Amino acid sequence: MWQPGQLPPFAALFDERIPGWREDNSSLRYALNLSKRDVWLAHLKAKQSLIEKVNELTGIGMKSDMFTIGFARRAAEYKRADLLFWDIGRLTEIASGAGGLQLIYAGKAHPQICRGKQVIRRIP
């Protein structure tokens, strides 16, 4: 399992193309010079890993070839995790145009902050 903020496919790509990025994160500005194809392939590998983990933990059966939106944050009212569901009609329209849509929500509220818990309850 990777560390927070580090995806193995991207770390491998950076190791290969941006030596020293682990010691000096300002060198990541050179990521802008990476080919779109290499970035896309790293993205697909990371997405596949995420989908496999979600399926392993939940048994839901998500698909790696479907448009996926992920949201993983501490649940706090100001982060507006429920905003995506404000206009269900528009969300349905986007899903239809994309050939389907799957959502991954993760996170929890601080135990002493009731508003964060309320946000979680509003997410369908």
N, C-alpha and C. Protein backbone atom coordinates (compact mmCIF):
# COMPACT_ATOMS: atom_id res chain seq x y z
N MET A 1 0.85 -1.19 0.00
CA MET A 1 0.00 0.00 0.00
C MET A 1 0.89 1.24 0.00
N TRP A 2 0.44 2.25 -0.72
CA TRP A 2 1.24 3.47 -0.81
C TRP A 2 0.99 4.39 0.38
N GLN A 3 1.85 5.36 0.50
CA GLN A 3 1.74 6.36 1.55
C GLN A 3 0.78 7.46 1.08
N PRO A 4 0.12 8.15 2.01
CA PRO A 4 -0.76 9.25 1.61
C PRO A 4 -0.01 10.26 0.74
N GLY A 5 -0.67 10.67 -0.32
CA GLY A 5 -0.07 11.66 -1.20
C GLY A 5 0.91 11.09 -2.21
N GLN A 6 1.04 9.77 -2.24
CA GLN A 6 2.00 9.16 -3.16
C GLN A 6 1.36 7.94 -3.82
N LEU A 7 1.24 7.97 -5.13
CA LEU A 7 0.71 6.86 -5.90
C LEU A 7 1.87 6.18 -6.60
N PRO A 8 2.03 4.87 -6.43
CA PRO A 8 3.17 4.19 -7.04
C PRO A 8 3.36 4.44 -8.53
N PRO A 9 2.30 4.44 -9.36
CA PRO A 9 2.55 4.71 -10.79
C PRO A 9 3.16 6.09 -11.04
N PHE A 10 2.71 7.08 -10.31
CA PHE A 10 3.26 8.42 -10.50
C PHE A 10 4.65 8.53 -9.88
N ALA A 11 4.85 7.90 -8.74
CA ALA A 11 6.18 7.91 -8.12
C ALA A 11 7.19 7.27 -9.06
N ALA A 12 6.81 6.16 -9.70
CA ALA A 12 7.71 5.48 -10.64
C ALA A 12 8.01 6.38 -11.84
N LEU A 13 6.98 7.06 -12.35
CA LEU A 13 7.17 7.97 -13.48
C LEU A 13 8.10 9.12 -13.09
N PHE A 14 7.89 9.68 -11.91
CA PHE A 14 8.74 10.78 -11.45
C PHE A 14 10.16 10.30 -11.19
N ASP A 15 10.31 9.10 -10.61
CA ASP A 15 11.65 8.54 -10.38
C ASP A 15 12.42 8.44 -11.70
N GLU A 16 11.70 8.03 -12.74
CA GLU A 16 12.34 7.83 -14.04
C GLU A 16 12.67 9.15 -14.73
N ARG A 17 11.74 10.10 -14.67
CA ARG A 17 11.87 11.32 -15.48
C ARG A 17 12.29 12.57 -14.71
N ILE A 18 12.14 12.56 -13.39
CA ILE A 18 12.48 13.75 -12.60
C ILE A 18 13.34 13.32 -11.41
N PRO A 19 14.59 12.96 -11.68
CA PRO A 19 15.46 12.52 -10.58
C PRO A 19 15.55 13.60 -9.50
N GLY A 20 15.51 13.17 -8.26
CA GLY A 20 15.65 14.09 -7.15
C GLY A 20 14.35 14.68 -6.64
N TRP A 21 13.23 14.31 -7.23
CA TRP A 21 11.96 14.90 -6.81
C TRP A 21 11.60 14.55 -5.37
N ARG A 22 12.07 13.41 -4.89
CA ARG A 22 11.76 13.01 -3.52
C ARG A 22 12.48 13.90 -2.50
N GLU A 23 13.67 14.37 -2.85
CA GLU A 23 14.44 15.23 -1.95
C GLU A 23 14.07 16.70 -2.10
N ASP A 24 13.66 17.10 -3.31
CA ASP A 24 13.35 18.50 -3.59
C ASP A 24 12.05 18.55 -4.37
N ASN A 25 10.93 18.70 -3.64
CA ASN A 25 9.65 18.65 -4.34
C ASN A 25 9.42 19.82 -5.29
N SER A 26 10.22 20.86 -5.20
CA SER A 26 10.07 21.95 -6.17
C SER A 26 10.46 21.49 -7.58
N SER A 27 11.22 20.41 -7.67
CA SER A 27 11.57 19.88 -8.99
C SER A 27 10.35 19.28 -9.70
N LEU A 28 9.26 19.09 -8.98
CA LEU A 28 8.05 18.56 -9.62
C LEU A 28 7.45 19.53 -10.64
N ARG A 29 7.95 20.77 -10.66
CA ARG A 29 7.49 21.70 -11.70
C ARG A 29 7.82 21.15 -13.08
N TYR A 30 8.81 20.28 -13.16
CA TYR A 30 9.18 19.68 -14.44
C TYR A 30 8.17 18.63 -14.89
N ALA A 31 7.23 18.28 -14.05
CA ALA A 31 6.18 17.35 -14.44
C ALA A 31 5.36 17.92 -15.60
N LEU A 32 5.36 19.24 -15.73
CA LEU A 32 4.66 19.87 -16.85
C LEU A 32 5.24 19.45 -18.20
N ASN A 33 6.49 18.97 -18.20
CA ASN A 33 7.14 18.56 -19.44
C ASN A 33 6.93 17.08 -19.76
N LEU A 34 6.28 16.35 -18.85
CA LEU A 34 6.03 14.93 -19.11
C LEU A 34 5.01 14.80 -20.24
N SER A 35 5.14 13.73 -21.00
CA SER A 35 4.19 13.54 -22.10
C SER A 35 2.81 13.23 -21.54
N LYS A 36 1.81 13.69 -22.24
CA LYS A 36 0.43 13.43 -21.83
C LYS A 36 0.16 11.93 -21.78
N ARG A 37 0.76 11.20 -22.70
CA ARG A 37 0.56 9.74 -22.74
C ARG A 37 1.11 9.09 -21.48
N ASP A 38 2.31 9.48 -21.04
CA ASP A 38 2.90 8.89 -19.84
C ASP A 38 2.08 9.21 -18.59
N VAL A 39 1.59 10.44 -18.51
CA VAL A 39 0.76 10.84 -17.38
C VAL A 39 -0.56 10.06 -17.41
N TRP A 40 -1.14 9.91 -18.59
CA TRP A 40 -2.40 9.18 -18.72
C TRP A 40 -2.22 7.71 -18.31
N LEU A 41 -1.12 7.10 -18.74
CA LEU A 41 -0.88 5.70 -18.37
C LEU A 41 -0.70 5.54 -16.87
N ALA A 42 0.00 6.48 -16.23
CA ALA A 42 0.16 6.44 -14.77
C ALA A 42 -1.20 6.62 -14.10
N HIS A 43 -2.01 7.52 -14.63
CA HIS A 43 -3.35 7.73 -14.10
C HIS A 43 -4.18 6.44 -14.18
N LEU A 44 -4.14 5.78 -15.33
CA LEU A 44 -4.92 4.54 -15.50
C LEU A 44 -4.47 3.46 -14.52
N LYS A 45 -3.17 3.35 -14.30
CA LYS A 45 -2.66 2.36 -13.34
C LYS A 45 -3.12 2.68 -11.92
N ALA A 46 -3.06 3.96 -11.55
CA ALA A 46 -3.49 4.37 -10.22
C ALA A 46 -5.00 4.15 -10.05
N LYS A 47 -5.75 4.45 -11.07
CA LYS A 47 -7.20 4.25 -11.02
C LYS A 47 -7.54 2.77 -10.87
N GLN A 48 -6.86 1.93 -11.64
CA GLN A 48 -7.09 0.49 -11.55
C GLN A 48 -6.83 -0.01 -10.13
N SER A 49 -5.76 0.46 -9.53
CA SER A 49 -5.42 0.08 -8.16
C SER A 49 -6.51 0.52 -7.18
N LEU A 50 -7.00 1.74 -7.34
CA LEU A 50 -8.06 2.25 -6.48
C LEU A 50 -9.33 1.42 -6.63
N ILE A 51 -9.74 1.15 -7.87
CA ILE A 51 -10.95 0.38 -8.13
C ILE A 51 -10.83 -1.02 -7.53
N GLU A 52 -9.66 -1.65 -7.69
CA GLU A 52 -9.46 -2.97 -7.12
C GLU A 52 -9.59 -2.94 -5.60
N LYS A 53 -9.03 -1.91 -4.96
CA LYS A 53 -9.10 -1.80 -3.50
C LYS A 53 -10.54 -1.58 -3.04
N VAL A 54 -11.27 -0.70 -3.73
CA VAL A 54 -12.67 -0.45 -3.37
C VAL A 54 -13.48 -1.73 -3.52
N ASN A 55 -13.27 -2.44 -4.62
CA ASN A 55 -14.00 -3.69 -4.84
C ASN A 55 -13.64 -4.74 -3.78
N GLU A 56 -12.38 -4.80 -3.41
CA GLU A 56 -11.94 -5.74 -2.38
C GLU A 56 -12.60 -5.43 -1.04
N LEU A 57 -12.68 -4.16 -0.69
CA LEU A 57 -13.24 -3.77 0.60
C LEU A 57 -14.76 -3.80 0.64
N THR A 58 -15.41 -3.55 -0.50
CA THR A 58 -16.86 -3.39 -0.49
C THR A 58 -17.62 -4.46 -1.26
N GLY A 59 -16.97 -5.08 -2.25
CA GLY A 59 -17.66 -6.03 -3.10
C GLY A 59 -18.65 -5.39 -4.05
N ILE A 60 -18.55 -4.09 -4.25
CA ILE A 60 -19.51 -3.35 -5.08
C ILE A 60 -19.41 -3.71 -6.56
N GLY A 61 -18.23 -3.95 -7.06
CA GLY A 61 -18.07 -4.29 -8.47
C GLY A 61 -17.91 -3.08 -9.36
N MET A 62 -17.14 -2.11 -8.91
CA MET A 62 -16.88 -0.94 -9.75
C MET A 62 -16.04 -1.34 -10.95
N LYS A 63 -16.12 -0.52 -11.99
CA LYS A 63 -15.41 -0.81 -13.24
C LYS A 63 -14.33 0.23 -13.48
N SER A 64 -13.17 -0.22 -13.93
CA SER A 64 -12.07 0.71 -14.15
C SER A 64 -12.22 1.50 -15.44
N ASP A 65 -13.12 1.08 -16.34
CA ASP A 65 -13.30 1.79 -17.60
C ASP A 65 -14.48 2.76 -17.56
N MET A 66 -14.96 3.09 -16.39
CA MET A 66 -16.09 4.01 -16.25
C MET A 66 -15.62 5.32 -15.64
N PHE A 67 -16.28 6.42 -16.04
CA PHE A 67 -16.00 7.73 -15.48
C PHE A 67 -16.19 7.66 -13.97
N THR A 68 -15.16 8.03 -13.22
CA THR A 68 -15.17 7.89 -11.77
C THR A 68 -14.80 9.23 -11.13
N ILE A 69 -15.57 9.61 -10.14
CA ILE A 69 -15.26 10.79 -9.35
C ILE A 69 -14.96 10.31 -7.94
N GLY A 70 -13.82 10.73 -7.43
CA GLY A 70 -13.43 10.36 -6.08
C GLY A 70 -13.35 11.58 -5.18
N PHE A 71 -13.80 11.40 -3.95
CA PHE A 71 -13.76 12.49 -2.96
C PHE A 71 -13.38 11.86 -1.63
N ALA A 72 -12.20 12.16 -1.16
CA ALA A 72 -11.72 11.59 0.11
C ALA A 72 -11.13 12.72 0.95
N ARG A 73 -11.89 13.18 1.89
CA ARG A 73 -11.49 14.30 2.74
C ARG A 73 -12.10 14.11 4.13
N ARG A 74 -11.58 14.82 5.08
CA ARG A 74 -12.24 14.91 6.38
C ARG A 74 -13.57 15.61 6.14
N ALA A 75 -14.65 15.06 6.66
CA ALA A 75 -15.98 15.64 6.44
C ALA A 75 -16.13 16.89 7.31
N ALA A 76 -16.16 18.02 6.65
CA ALA A 76 -16.37 19.30 7.31
C ALA A 76 -17.33 20.10 6.43
N GLU A 77 -18.19 20.85 7.04
CA GLU A 77 -19.23 21.56 6.30
C GLU A 77 -18.65 22.45 5.20
N TYR A 78 -17.56 23.15 5.48
CA TYR A 78 -17.01 24.09 4.49
C TYR A 78 -16.43 23.40 3.26
N LYS A 79 -16.15 22.10 3.32
CA LYS A 79 -15.61 21.39 2.16
C LYS A 79 -16.69 21.01 1.16
N ARG A 80 -17.94 21.08 1.58
CA ARG A 80 -19.11 20.94 0.70
C ARG A 80 -19.13 19.63 -0.08
N ALA A 81 -18.89 18.53 0.60
CA ALA A 81 -18.87 17.22 -0.04
C ALA A 81 -20.21 16.86 -0.67
N ASP A 82 -21.27 17.45 -0.18
CA ASP A 82 -22.61 17.15 -0.70
C ASP A 82 -23.00 18.02 -1.90
N LEU A 83 -22.15 18.95 -2.29
CA LEU A 83 -22.47 19.86 -3.39
C LEU A 83 -22.72 19.12 -4.70
N LEU A 84 -22.04 18.04 -4.92
CA LEU A 84 -22.22 17.26 -6.14
C LEU A 84 -23.68 16.82 -6.33
N PHE A 85 -24.40 16.67 -5.24
CA PHE A 85 -25.78 16.18 -5.30
C PHE A 85 -26.82 17.31 -5.24
N TRP A 86 -26.36 18.54 -5.36
CA TRP A 86 -27.26 19.68 -5.29
C TRP A 86 -28.27 19.67 -6.42
N ASP A 87 -27.83 19.27 -7.63
CA ASP A 87 -28.70 19.23 -8.81
C ASP A 87 -28.61 17.83 -9.41
N ILE A 88 -29.45 16.95 -8.92
CA ILE A 88 -29.42 15.54 -9.37
C ILE A 88 -29.71 15.44 -10.87
N GLY A 89 -30.57 16.29 -11.38
CA GLY A 89 -30.87 16.28 -12.81
C GLY A 89 -29.63 16.54 -13.64
N ARG A 90 -28.84 17.51 -13.24
CA ARG A 90 -27.59 17.83 -13.95
C ARG A 90 -26.60 16.69 -13.82
N LEU A 91 -26.52 16.09 -12.65
CA LEU A 91 -25.62 14.95 -12.44
C LEU A 91 -26.03 13.79 -13.34
N THR A 92 -27.32 13.55 -13.46
CA THR A 92 -27.83 12.50 -14.34
C THR A 92 -27.48 12.79 -15.79
N GLU A 93 -27.58 14.05 -16.18
CA GLU A 93 -27.24 14.46 -17.55
C GLU A 93 -25.75 14.22 -17.83
N ILE A 94 -24.91 14.56 -16.88
CA ILE A 94 -23.46 14.34 -17.03
C ILE A 94 -23.18 12.85 -17.14
N ALA A 95 -23.81 12.05 -16.29
CA ALA A 95 -23.61 10.60 -16.31
C ALA A 95 -24.04 10.01 -17.65
N SER A 96 -25.16 10.50 -18.19
CA SER A 96 -25.64 10.00 -19.48
C SER A 96 -24.66 10.32 -20.59
N GLY A 97 -24.13 11.53 -20.57
CA GLY A 97 -23.17 11.94 -21.59
C GLY A 97 -21.84 11.21 -21.49
N ALA A 98 -21.49 10.78 -20.29
CA ALA A 98 -20.20 10.11 -20.07
C ALA A 98 -20.31 8.59 -20.22
N GLY A 99 -21.52 8.09 -20.45
CA GLY A 99 -21.69 6.64 -20.57
C GLY A 99 -21.74 5.96 -19.21
N GLY A 100 -22.11 6.69 -18.19
CA GLY A 100 -22.18 6.16 -16.84
C GLY A 100 -21.27 6.93 -15.91
N LEU A 101 -21.48 6.73 -14.64
CA LEU A 101 -20.74 7.47 -13.63
C LEU A 101 -20.71 6.64 -12.36
N GLN A 102 -19.56 6.61 -11.72
CA GLN A 102 -19.47 5.98 -10.41
C GLN A 102 -18.73 6.93 -9.48
N LEU A 103 -19.15 6.93 -8.22
CA LEU A 103 -18.60 7.85 -7.24
C LEU A 103 -17.96 7.08 -6.11
N ILE A 104 -16.82 7.58 -5.65
CA ILE A 104 -16.16 7.02 -4.49
C ILE A 104 -16.04 8.14 -3.47
N TYR A 105 -16.71 7.97 -2.35
CA TYR A 105 -16.64 8.93 -1.25
C TYR A 105 -15.98 8.24 -0.07
N ALA A 106 -15.04 8.93 0.55
CA ALA A 106 -14.36 8.38 1.72
C ALA A 106 -14.06 9.51 2.68
N GLY A 107 -14.01 9.18 3.94
CA GLY A 107 -13.68 10.17 4.95
C GLY A 107 -14.61 10.03 6.14
N LYS A 108 -14.32 10.79 7.15
CA LYS A 108 -15.19 10.79 8.32
C LYS A 108 -15.15 12.17 8.95
N ALA A 109 -16.13 12.40 9.80
CA ALA A 109 -16.22 13.68 10.49
C ALA A 109 -15.45 13.61 11.80
N HIS A 110 -15.01 14.75 12.24
CA HIS A 110 -14.41 14.83 13.57
C HIS A 110 -15.49 14.44 14.59
N PRO A 111 -15.17 13.61 15.55
CA PRO A 111 -16.18 13.14 16.49
C PRO A 111 -16.93 14.24 17.24
N GLN A 112 -16.33 15.39 17.42
CA GLN A 112 -16.97 16.46 18.19
C GLN A 112 -17.62 17.54 17.32
N ILE A 113 -17.62 17.34 16.01
CA ILE A 113 -18.20 18.35 15.12
C ILE A 113 -19.43 17.77 14.45
N CYS A 114 -20.59 18.17 14.95
CA CYS A 114 -21.85 17.63 14.46
C CYS A 114 -22.16 18.00 13.02
N ARG A 115 -21.74 19.19 12.58
CA ARG A 115 -22.04 19.61 11.21
C ARG A 115 -21.36 18.73 10.19
N GLY A 116 -20.17 18.24 10.49
CA GLY A 116 -19.50 17.31 9.59
C GLY A 116 -20.28 16.02 9.46
N LYS A 117 -20.83 15.55 10.54
CA LYS A 117 -21.65 14.33 10.52
C LYS A 117 -22.93 14.55 9.71
N GLN A 118 -23.49 15.76 9.81
CA GLN A 118 -24.68 16.08 9.04
C GLN A 118 -24.40 16.07 7.54
N VAL A 119 -23.22 16.51 7.15
CA VAL A 119 -22.84 16.50 5.73
C VAL A 119 -22.83 15.06 5.23
N ILE A 120 -22.25 14.17 6.00
CA ILE A 120 -22.19 12.75 5.61
C ILE A 120 -23.59 12.19 5.43
N ARG A 121 -24.51 12.53 6.31
CA ARG A 121 -25.88 12.02 6.23
C ARG A 121 -26.60 12.53 4.98
N ARG A 122 -26.19 13.70 4.45
CA ARG A 122 -26.84 14.26 3.27
C ARG A 122 -26.35 13.63 1.97
N ILE A 123 -25.28 12.89 2.01
CA ILE A 123 -24.75 12.26 0.80
C ILE A 123 -25.55 10.97 0.55
N PRO A 124 -26.21 10.89 -0.61
CA PRO A 124 -27.06 9.71 -0.89
C PRO A 124 -26.26 8.43 -1.02
